[in-house]
Structures are given as C-alpha cells and as structure tokens.
C-alpha cells in the first residue's frame, strides 16, 4: 500500500508491484503473514502509524517496522457460547458492566463469569455460592485478596464465577502470563448457556470469544480512549459502552473519538454508574466508600439519598489508596459502611467498620444509559443471544 511520498516518483512510472487503496483491503486480498511498515515522517507520524497498526492487528496479522514489532494477542479457542468484556484502561467501570450484564442474564440463562485479575488466585477458583461479608473478612485474614473481581461478581450478581490470575499487560492487551485458559476449561465443564470473560484493566481475556463489549471511560482523554492501541481494542467491539458520562465531563469528545474508529453500525452507548446497596439502608446514616473521583461524590450521594433513602454522612473515593483511607476512617461515624468491593474494601474498611460496631453493606453499580441514547439492556440481551 502506498501512503504518500509521491514527490520522489516519476509520473506514470510502474514498479512491478500491485498497489491497493487500504491496508485492510490488502490483507483481505493477499492474506499476508506479516505487514512491514517502511513509512516515516512526514508521510506517517506516530498517531497515524498506530491507527494503521491497530487495523492490521484487528485482522490478526503482526505489524513490523524498523525498530518495533507488534503482535496481535494470542487467543485460545473456546467451544461454547461466549462474550468478553474488555476495557481501555483501569478504573473505568468494566467490572461494573460485567456485573450488570450477569445480573440481567441470570434469570434467563445459566451464566458463568471467568474473571482475571492481578490479585486473582494462583489456581483457577470456582465460586458457586456468593460469599458473605464475614466470609470475605476471613478470606482476607488468611492472606488472600478478598476483593478480586470474581468475588465481586459472585457477590453482586449471584452467578457462578471462576477466578483467574494474570501478570502483565501489553500495549495491545496481551497478558504476559495467566491461568485463564485453564479457567475457561473449568467454566465449560460446568455446562453453562453462556460464559462471560471479564478482562482486567486494559488487558484482554486471552480467549477467542464470539462477541466483545468494549468499555471506555467518559473521563478518559479522547486521544487515550481511542488512540494508541486502544484503537485495536475498539476495532474488536460489537458494542461500546462509555461509562461515567457525567455532566461536566468531556464524554461527548470521547464518544466522537471512539466513533472515528469503529464501524458505523457499532453502537456507542453513553452511560453513568449508580450505586445500588445490596441491603436496605433506608433511614440509616451511611458512609459510602468507592473508587469514583471526587467530582462525582455529590452525584453519588444524591442518588443514594433519593433512590435508596440513605442519610449520607461521608463519601470516600480512596479505596485504592490505603494510606489516605486509614487517615479518614477515624473521623467517620455511621450506622452503615456502604462499600464497593474493590481494593481495600475488606482489609481496611470492613475490618474498621466491624471493629467499631457498624454494619457493612456491599454496593453494586447499575449501568444506566443516558436519556434518548437507546435501551442498553436490550442490546446486552441481543448480544447474549436472547431473542427480544
């Protein structure tokens, strides 16, 4: 494919090689084993080259230049009906989308979720009964990470989960090592109607699934959300969910950046995340602990008050910062400590609450589409193979 630099060529000259209009057309026509990039400034800069590389990787072909090589992640085959939830970064609500999807499907299908995480178990772990807060505390005291994604999904969605571990994440989302393939085999042996594979941060589940949901943070910079090799992730999408599309954020620019990458038929759905206590907290004083940025705290407090009748006395976004979390806990006085099951939720917040005689309630996150943007649940059901 010629991308420019024609000032060096004589008019009408032929050089004995076919030219095509685009790299995707070239791959589909010639089925290469490798794409070699011989471009440079000023014809193609780094932004354009990575967009081109993303298109090549999405076709399953390695992309090589003078001092680099990019390979598409290796994906293990999977025989059953499957769906992956993939993120473009950390703390963007990917696991909230997985949990929302699992809660939606659980009354209709037998769903198993395979979740991988940096703090996942050394061997794939099957959870068939949602653990209680007390069980999570005991798990934490034994030295385990009691807020792993598979535990969160088991508790908040009430479905079977298989917890897996991964280490490392490449620019295109490959994991350096993981036990997800073994976890996938365990999930298949349980005879589910659908297996949902939950990614970790921007790392892809290393399994070839039937369909993919890509989750983008509305608070991410547009050039990050849809640039670099996140363009590759977006090109894999059958549906894109933009989370945290709050008033005052730049989510519209994020959506437009995403739309510049994905095919026109791919729906890009803006949503917000809203906490849902798993137990009744109406009329009680509540301290809420989450990972949301401070600018969203008043919105979340208002929602908990209006939708769930809670008297919000404190909101913290410090679950991922143990030092800051411990510093603020001594000043918190509430009947209920409402907590997302993330990071230090169990070993710091739950332990403190139980020691002080307060009640611990876990919080799920509902994924709520913005008005006029379509019905997210219908799209999720359709992607899961359930007729509407």
Protein backbone atom coordinates (compact mmCIF):
# COMPACT_ATOMS: atom_id res chain seq x y z
CA UNK A 1 0.00 0.00 0.00
CA UNK A 2 1.36 3.45 -0.93
CA UNK A 3 0.62 6.07 1.73
CA UNK A 4 2.43 9.08 0.29
CA UNK A 5 5.84 10.35 -0.73
CA UNK A 6 4.93 10.57 -4.42
CA UNK A 7 7.22 13.57 -4.91
CA UNK A 8 10.03 11.02 -5.32
CA UNK A 9 8.28 9.17 -8.15
CA UNK A 10 8.20 9.93 -11.87
CA UNK A 11 4.79 10.44 -13.41
CA UNK A 12 3.27 7.21 -14.66
CA UNK A 13 6.16 5.05 -13.51
CA UNK A 14 5.45 1.38 -12.82
CA UNK A 15 7.49 -0.52 -10.25
CA UNK A 16 6.22 -4.06 -10.72
CA UNK A 17 4.20 -4.41 -7.51
CA UNK A 18 0.42 -4.05 -7.09
CA UNK A 19 -0.92 -1.06 -5.17
CA UNK A 20 -4.10 -1.07 -3.11
CA UNK A 21 -6.11 1.72 -1.53
CA UNK A 22 -6.01 0.50 2.06
CA UNK A 23 -4.27 -1.93 4.41
CA UNK A 24 -7.47 -3.84 5.23
CA UNK A 25 -8.13 -4.37 1.52
CA UNK A 26 -4.54 -5.54 1.09
CA UNK A 27 -4.82 -8.06 3.94
CA UNK A 28 -8.14 -9.40 2.69
CA UNK A 29 -6.78 -9.70 -0.87
CA UNK A 30 -3.31 -11.13 -0.28
CA UNK A 31 -3.60 -12.88 3.13
CA UNK A 32 -0.08 -11.90 4.32
CA UNK A 33 1.70 -13.43 7.30
CA UNK A 34 3.26 -10.07 8.16
CA UNK A 35 2.78 -6.38 7.43
CA UNK A 36 6.01 -4.39 7.12
CA UNK A 37 5.91 -0.62 7.72
CA UNK A 38 8.55 1.22 5.67
CA UNK A 39 6.99 4.65 6.27
CA UNK A 40 8.40 7.53 8.29
CA UNK A 41 7.84 11.23 8.89
CA UNK A 42 6.44 13.28 7.24
CA UNK A 43 4.22 10.73 5.46
CA UNK A 44 3.04 8.95 8.59
CA UNK A 45 3.54 10.18 12.15
CA UNK A 46 3.23 8.03 15.29
CA UNK A 47 -0.52 8.67 15.68
CA UNK A 48 -1.28 7.56 12.13
CA UNK A 49 1.06 4.59 12.31
CA UNK A 50 -0.54 3.25 15.48
CA UNK A 51 -4.00 3.65 13.94
CA UNK A 52 -2.74 1.67 10.95
CA UNK A 53 -1.15 -0.92 13.25
CA UNK A 54 -4.47 -1.28 15.10
CA UNK A 55 -6.28 -2.09 11.87
CA UNK A 56 -3.64 -4.70 11.00
CA UNK A 57 -3.71 -6.33 14.45
CA UNK A 58 -7.51 -6.46 14.30
CA UNK A 59 -7.09 -8.65 11.20
CA UNK A 60 -4.83 -10.98 13.22
CA UNK A 61 -1.60 -10.04 11.44
CA UNK A 62 1.71 -8.89 13.06
CA UNK A 63 2.91 -5.36 12.23
CA UNK A 64 6.64 -4.74 11.95
CA UNK A 65 8.73 -1.58 11.48
CA UNK A 66 12.37 -0.61 11.55
CA UNK A 67 12.72 -0.87 15.33
CA UNK A 68 9.49 -2.43 16.55
CA UNK A 69 7.17 -5.42 16.20
CA UNK A 70 3.54 -5.57 17.31
CA UNK A 71 1.77 -8.92 17.50
CA UNK A 72 -1.95 -9.49 17.99
CA UNK A 73 -2.63 -11.14 21.36
CA UNK A 74 -2.78 -14.92 21.22
CA UNK A 75 -6.34 -16.04 21.95
CA UNK A 76 -7.14 -19.60 22.98
CA UNK A 77 -10.09 -21.21 21.15
CA UNK A 78 -13.29 -21.69 23.14
CA UNK A 79 -16.06 -24.01 22.04
CA UNK A 80 -19.10 -22.71 23.92
CA UNK A 81 -21.20 -19.57 23.60
CA UNK A 82 -19.06 -16.73 24.92
CA UNK A 83 -18.79 -12.99 25.36
CA UNK A 84 -15.87 -10.84 26.56
CA UNK A 85 -15.93 -7.52 28.39
CA UNK A 86 -12.80 -5.52 27.60
CA UNK A 87 -11.59 -2.17 28.94
CA UNK A 88 -9.48 0.68 27.59
CA UNK A 89 -7.91 1.37 30.98
CA UNK A 90 -8.12 0.88 34.74
CA UNK A 91 -10.94 2.25 36.93
CA UNK A 92 -13.38 2.79 34.07
CA UNK A 93 -16.22 0.56 35.30
CA UNK A 94 -15.50 -2.55 33.23
CA UNK A 95 -16.34 -4.95 36.06
CA UNK A 96 -19.48 -2.92 36.77
CA UNK A 97 -20.56 -3.62 33.19
CA UNK A 98 -19.78 -7.32 33.66
CA UNK A 99 -21.80 -7.39 36.87
CA UNK A 100 -24.72 -5.53 35.30
CA UNK A 101 -24.68 -7.97 32.38
CA UNK A 102 -24.56 -11.01 34.67
CA UNK A 103 -27.46 -9.74 36.84
CA UNK A 104 -29.51 -9.09 33.70
CA UNK A 105 -28.87 -12.56 32.25
CA UNK A 106 -29.02 -14.67 35.42
CA UNK A 107 -32.83 -15.09 35.45
CA UNK A 108 -32.78 -16.14 31.77
CA UNK A 109 -29.58 -18.16 31.27
CA UNK A 110 -27.11 -20.20 33.24
CA UNK A 111 -24.15 -17.84 33.19
CA UNK A 112 -20.59 -18.45 34.35
CA UNK A 113 -18.21 -15.50 34.60
CA UNK A 114 -14.47 -16.06 34.20
CA UNK A 115 -12.66 -13.07 35.70
CA UNK A 116 -8.93 -12.45 35.66
CA UNK A 117 -7.04 -10.01 37.83
CA UNK A 118 -3.60 -9.17 39.13
CA UNK A 119 -4.79 -10.26 42.57
CA UNK A 120 -6.56 -13.39 41.36
CA UNK A 121 -5.87 -16.88 42.72
CA UNK A 122 -2.78 -18.87 41.76
CA UNK A 123 -5.04 -21.69 40.52
CA UNK A 124 -8.47 -21.09 38.96
CA UNK A 125 -11.02 -20.86 41.75
CA UNK A 126 -14.71 -21.70 41.32
CA UNK A 127 -17.21 -19.76 43.43
CA UNK A 128 -20.70 -21.27 43.39
CA UNK A 129 -22.18 -19.60 46.49
CA UNK A 130 -21.88 -15.81 46.91
CA UNK A 131 -19.63 -15.18 49.92
CA UNK A 132 -20.88 -13.09 52.82
CA UNK A 133 -19.04 -10.09 54.23
CA UNK A 134 -17.90 -12.27 57.11
CA UNK A 135 -16.54 -14.88 54.69
CA UNK A 136 -14.66 -12.19 52.78
CA UNK A 137 -13.13 -10.89 56.00
CA UNK A 138 -11.96 -14.40 56.93
CA UNK A 139 -10.51 -14.80 53.45
CA UNK A 140 -8.64 -11.51 53.85
CA UNK A 141 -7.30 -12.54 57.24
CA UNK A 142 -5.92 -15.72 55.67
CA UNK A 143 -3.73 -13.55 53.42
CA UNK A 144 -5.89 -13.61 50.29
CA UNK A 145 -7.05 -10.58 48.28
CA UNK A 146 -10.74 -10.63 49.23
CA UNK A 147 -11.86 -8.05 46.66
CA UNK A 148 -10.85 -9.89 43.48
CA UNK A 149 -13.16 -9.34 40.53
CA UNK A 150 -14.53 -12.89 40.58
CA UNK A 151 -15.54 -12.49 44.22
CA UNK A 152 -17.13 -9.12 43.46
CA UNK A 153 -19.17 -10.58 40.59
CA UNK A 154 -20.19 -13.64 42.62
CA UNK A 155 -21.42 -11.47 45.48
CA UNK A 156 -23.10 -8.73 43.46
CA UNK A 157 -24.51 -10.73 40.53
CA UNK A 158 -25.21 -14.05 42.25
CA UNK A 159 -23.74 -16.17 39.42
CA UNK A 160 -21.04 -18.81 39.36
CA UNK A 161 -17.61 -17.36 38.77
CA UNK A 162 -14.14 -18.68 38.04
CA UNK A 163 -11.32 -16.53 39.37
CA UNK A 164 -8.05 -16.40 37.47
CA UNK A 165 -4.73 -14.61 37.77
CA UNK A 166 -2.79 -12.64 35.17
CA UNK A 167 0.54 -10.87 35.17
CA UNK A 168 1.47 -8.03 32.87
CA UNK A 169 -0.39 -6.38 30.03
CA UNK A 170 0.98 -5.49 26.61
CA UNK A 171 0.20 -2.42 24.54
CA UNK A 172 -2.37 -4.40 22.56
CA UNK A 173 -3.74 -6.13 25.66
CA UNK A 174 -1.84 -9.43 25.68
CA UNK A 175 -1.07 -10.83 29.13
CA UNK A 176 2.47 -11.91 29.98
CA UNK A 177 1.14 -14.97 31.77
CA UNK A 178 -2.22 -16.14 33.08
CA UNK A 179 -4.23 -19.22 34.05
CA UNK A 180 -7.32 -18.06 32.13
CA UNK A 181 -7.14 -20.92 29.61
CA UNK A 182 -7.44 -23.39 32.49
CA UNK A 183 -10.25 -21.29 33.96
CA UNK A 184 -12.05 -21.36 30.61
CA UNK A 185 -11.92 -25.16 30.54
CA UNK A 186 -13.34 -25.32 34.06
CA UNK A 187 -16.15 -22.95 33.09
CA UNK A 188 -17.02 -25.02 30.01
CA UNK A 189 -17.16 -28.20 32.10
CA UNK A 190 -19.92 -26.66 34.22
CA UNK A 191 -22.25 -26.73 31.20
CA UNK A 192 -23.33 -23.08 31.09
CA UNK A 193 -25.51 -21.44 28.45
CA UNK A 194 -23.03 -18.56 28.24
CA UNK A 195 -19.55 -17.82 29.56
CA UNK A 196 -18.67 -14.17 30.12
CA UNK A 197 -14.95 -13.40 30.20
CA UNK A 198 -14.10 -10.30 32.24
CA UNK A 199 -10.86 -8.57 31.27
CA UNK A 200 -8.50 -6.86 33.69
CA UNK A 201 -7.63 -3.19 33.28
CA UNK A 202 -6.74 -2.86 29.58
CA UNK A 203 -5.62 -6.50 29.33
CA UNK A 204 -7.75 -8.74 27.12
CA UNK A 205 -9.04 -12.11 28.27
CA UNK A 206 -6.75 -14.42 26.25
CA UNK A 207 -9.70 -16.35 24.81
CA UNK A 208 -11.33 -16.14 21.38
CA UNK A 209 -14.94 -15.23 22.21
CA UNK A 210 -17.99 -14.95 19.97
CA UNK A 211 -18.64 -11.29 20.81
CA UNK A 212 -17.00 -8.41 22.68
CA UNK A 213 -18.16 -5.41 24.66
CA UNK A 214 -15.52 -2.69 24.95
CA UNK A 215 -15.82 -0.33 27.92
CA UNK A 216 -14.43 3.20 27.62
CA UNK A 217 -14.26 5.77 30.43
CA UNK A 218 -16.03 9.03 29.67
CA UNK A 219 -13.41 10.71 31.87
CA UNK A 220 -10.50 9.39 29.76
CA UNK A 221 -8.69 11.73 27.41
CA UNK A 222 -10.11 11.17 23.91
CA UNK A 223 -6.67 10.60 22.45
CA UNK A 224 -6.10 7.82 25.01
CA UNK A 225 -9.56 6.26 24.84
CA UNK A 226 -9.47 5.89 21.06
CA UNK A 227 -5.79 6.33 20.26
CA UNK A 228 -2.60 4.31 20.51
CA UNK A 229 -3.54 0.62 20.51
CA UNK A 230 -6.89 1.26 22.17
CA UNK A 231 -7.99 1.68 18.55
CA UNK A 232 -7.23 -2.03 18.18
CA UNK A 233 -9.47 -2.86 21.14
CA UNK A 234 -12.27 -0.75 19.67
CA UNK A 235 -11.99 -2.48 16.31
CA UNK A 236 -12.79 -5.75 18.10
CA UNK A 237 -16.02 -4.36 19.58
CA UNK A 238 -19.56 -5.48 18.87
CA UNK A 239 -20.79 -2.84 21.33
CA UNK A 240 -19.02 0.07 23.02
CA UNK A 241 -20.18 1.30 26.44
CA UNK A 242 -18.93 4.73 27.51
CA UNK A 243 -19.16 4.89 31.30
CA UNK A 244 -19.03 7.93 33.62
CA UNK A 245 -20.68 10.16 31.01
CA UNK A 246 -21.49 12.73 33.68
CA UNK A 247 -22.46 16.35 33.12
CA UNK A 248 -19.33 18.46 33.13
CA UNK A 249 -17.11 15.72 31.74
CA UNK A 250 -15.79 15.57 28.19
CA UNK A 251 -17.61 12.32 27.39
CA UNK A 252 -19.01 13.67 24.10
CA UNK A 253 -15.48 14.17 22.78
CA UNK A 254 -14.65 10.65 23.93
CA UNK A 255 -17.65 9.26 22.08
CA UNK A 256 -16.74 11.12 18.89
CA UNK A 257 -13.18 9.83 19.11
CA UNK A 258 -14.50 6.30 19.51
CA UNK A 259 -16.88 6.73 16.57
CA UNK A 260 -13.95 7.78 14.40
CA UNK A 261 -12.50 4.29 14.90
CA UNK A 262 -15.41 1.83 15.00
CA UNK A 263 -17.61 0.81 12.08
CA UNK A 264 -20.79 2.90 11.64
CA UNK A 265 -23.05 0.01 12.68
CA UNK A 266 -21.37 -0.37 16.09
CA UNK A 267 -23.43 1.33 18.79
CA UNK A 268 -21.54 3.62 21.18
CA UNK A 269 -23.69 3.90 24.31
CA UNK A 270 -23.02 6.67 26.90
CA UNK A 271 -23.89 5.65 30.45
CA UNK A 272 -23.43 6.58 34.09
CA UNK A 273 -22.74 4.31 37.05
CA UNK A 274 -25.08 4.48 40.03
CA UNK A 275 -24.52 2.59 43.30
CA UNK A 276 -27.11 0.10 44.50
CA UNK A 277 -26.85 -1.16 48.08
CA UNK A 278 -27.33 -4.92 48.30
CA UNK A 279 -29.31 -4.46 51.52
CA UNK A 280 -31.89 -1.92 52.65
CA UNK A 281 -30.25 1.25 54.05
CA UNK A 282 -33.33 3.47 54.13
CA UNK A 283 -33.33 5.90 57.03
CA UNK A 284 -29.82 4.95 58.17
CA UNK A 285 -26.69 7.08 58.36
CA UNK A 286 -24.37 5.81 55.65
CA UNK A 287 -20.69 6.32 54.79
CA UNK A 288 -20.04 5.33 51.18
CA UNK A 289 -16.63 4.07 50.01
CA UNK A 290 -15.81 3.73 46.32
CA UNK A 291 -13.15 4.45 43.70
CA UNK A 292 -15.03 7.28 41.97
CA UNK A 293 -13.25 10.64 41.54
CA UNK A 294 -14.14 13.42 43.96
CA UNK A 295 -16.09 15.39 41.32
CA UNK A 296 -18.67 12.59 41.24
CA UNK A 297 -19.16 12.26 45.00
CA UNK A 298 -22.04 14.72 45.33
CA UNK A 299 -23.87 13.00 42.46
CA UNK A 300 -23.47 9.58 44.06
CA UNK A 301 -24.53 10.88 47.48
CA UNK A 302 -27.63 12.46 45.97
CA UNK A 303 -28.54 9.23 44.20
CA UNK A 304 -28.16 7.14 47.36
CA UNK A 305 -30.33 9.62 49.23
CA UNK A 306 -33.07 9.97 46.63
CA UNK A 307 -33.21 6.41 45.27
CA UNK A 308 -32.40 4.45 48.42
CA UNK A 309 -33.39 6.74 51.29
CA UNK A 310 -29.94 6.77 52.87
CA UNK A 311 -28.66 9.62 55.04
CA UNK A 312 -25.21 10.10 53.53
CA UNK A 313 -22.70 11.40 56.08
CA UNK A 314 -19.48 10.68 54.18
CA UNK A 315 -18.28 9.75 50.68
CA UNK A 316 -14.77 8.49 50.03
CA UNK A 317 -13.09 7.65 46.74
CA UNK A 318 -9.95 6.29 48.40
CA UNK A 319 -10.45 2.53 48.22
CA UNK A 320 -7.31 2.26 46.08
CA UNK A 321 -5.25 4.40 48.49
CA UNK A 322 -4.87 2.56 51.79
CA UNK A 323 -2.89 5.34 53.47
CA UNK A 324 -5.50 8.01 52.70
CA UNK A 325 -8.28 5.59 53.59
CA UNK A 326 -6.90 4.82 57.02
CA UNK A 327 -6.35 8.52 57.69
CA UNK A 328 -10.01 9.39 57.08
CA UNK A 329 -11.66 6.40 58.79
CA UNK A 330 -11.04 7.65 62.31
CA UNK A 331 -13.33 10.61 61.63
CA UNK A 332 -16.19 8.60 60.10
CA UNK A 333 -19.23 7.85 62.24
CA UNK A 334 -22.06 5.99 60.51
CA UNK A 335 -24.50 3.17 61.17
CA UNK A 336 -23.67 1.62 57.81
CA UNK A 337 -20.40 1.45 55.91
CA UNK A 338 -21.52 1.01 52.30
CA UNK A 339 -18.61 -0.18 50.18
CA UNK A 340 -17.74 -1.19 46.64
CA UNK A 341 -15.89 -4.50 46.65
CA UNK A 342 -12.61 -3.03 45.37
CA UNK A 343 -9.01 -2.79 46.53
CA UNK A 344 -9.01 -2.15 50.32
CA UNK A 345 -12.76 -2.66 50.81
CA UNK A 346 -12.34 -5.69 53.05
CA UNK A 347 -8.94 -5.50 54.75
CA UNK A 348 -9.32 -1.81 55.68
CA UNK A 349 -12.94 -0.60 55.51
CA UNK A 350 -14.82 -3.74 56.55
CA UNK A 351 -12.33 -4.50 59.32
CA UNK A 352 -12.65 -0.95 60.70
CA UNK A 353 -16.44 -0.97 60.49
CA UNK A 354 -16.80 -4.32 62.23
CA UNK A 355 -14.36 -3.27 64.96
CA UNK A 356 -16.36 -0.09 65.59
CA UNK A 357 -19.71 -1.89 65.67
CA UNK A 358 -21.03 -0.57 62.37
CA UNK A 359 -22.82 -2.63 59.75
CA UNK A 360 -21.09 -3.38 56.44
CA UNK A 361 -23.18 -3.42 53.26
CA UNK A 362 -21.77 -4.08 49.81
CA UNK A 363 -22.73 -1.91 46.83
CA UNK A 364 -23.25 -2.95 43.21
CA UNK A 365 -23.14 -0.49 40.33
CA UNK A 366 -26.03 -0.17 37.91
CA UNK A 367 -25.06 0.89 34.40
CA UNK A 368 -27.64 3.49 33.38
CA UNK A 369 -27.83 4.77 29.78
CA UNK A 370 -28.32 8.48 29.24
CA UNK A 371 -31.84 9.53 28.20
CA UNK A 372 -32.52 9.20 24.49
CA UNK A 373 -29.47 7.04 23.81
CA UNK A 374 -31.23 3.69 23.46
CA UNK A 375 -32.01 0.74 25.73
CA UNK A 376 -28.75 -0.79 26.95
CA UNK A 377 -30.36 -3.91 28.42
CA UNK A 378 -31.98 -4.79 25.09
CA UNK A 379 -28.59 -4.51 23.38
CA UNK A 380 -26.99 -6.72 26.03
CA UNK A 381 -29.72 -9.33 25.70
CA UNK A 382 -29.32 -9.35 21.93
CA UNK A 383 -25.55 -9.76 22.22
CA UNK A 384 -26.13 -12.67 24.59
CA UNK A 385 -28.28 -14.48 22.03
CA UNK A 386 -31.59 -13.95 23.84
CA UNK A 387 -34.43 -13.07 21.45
CA UNK A 388 -36.15 -9.79 22.29
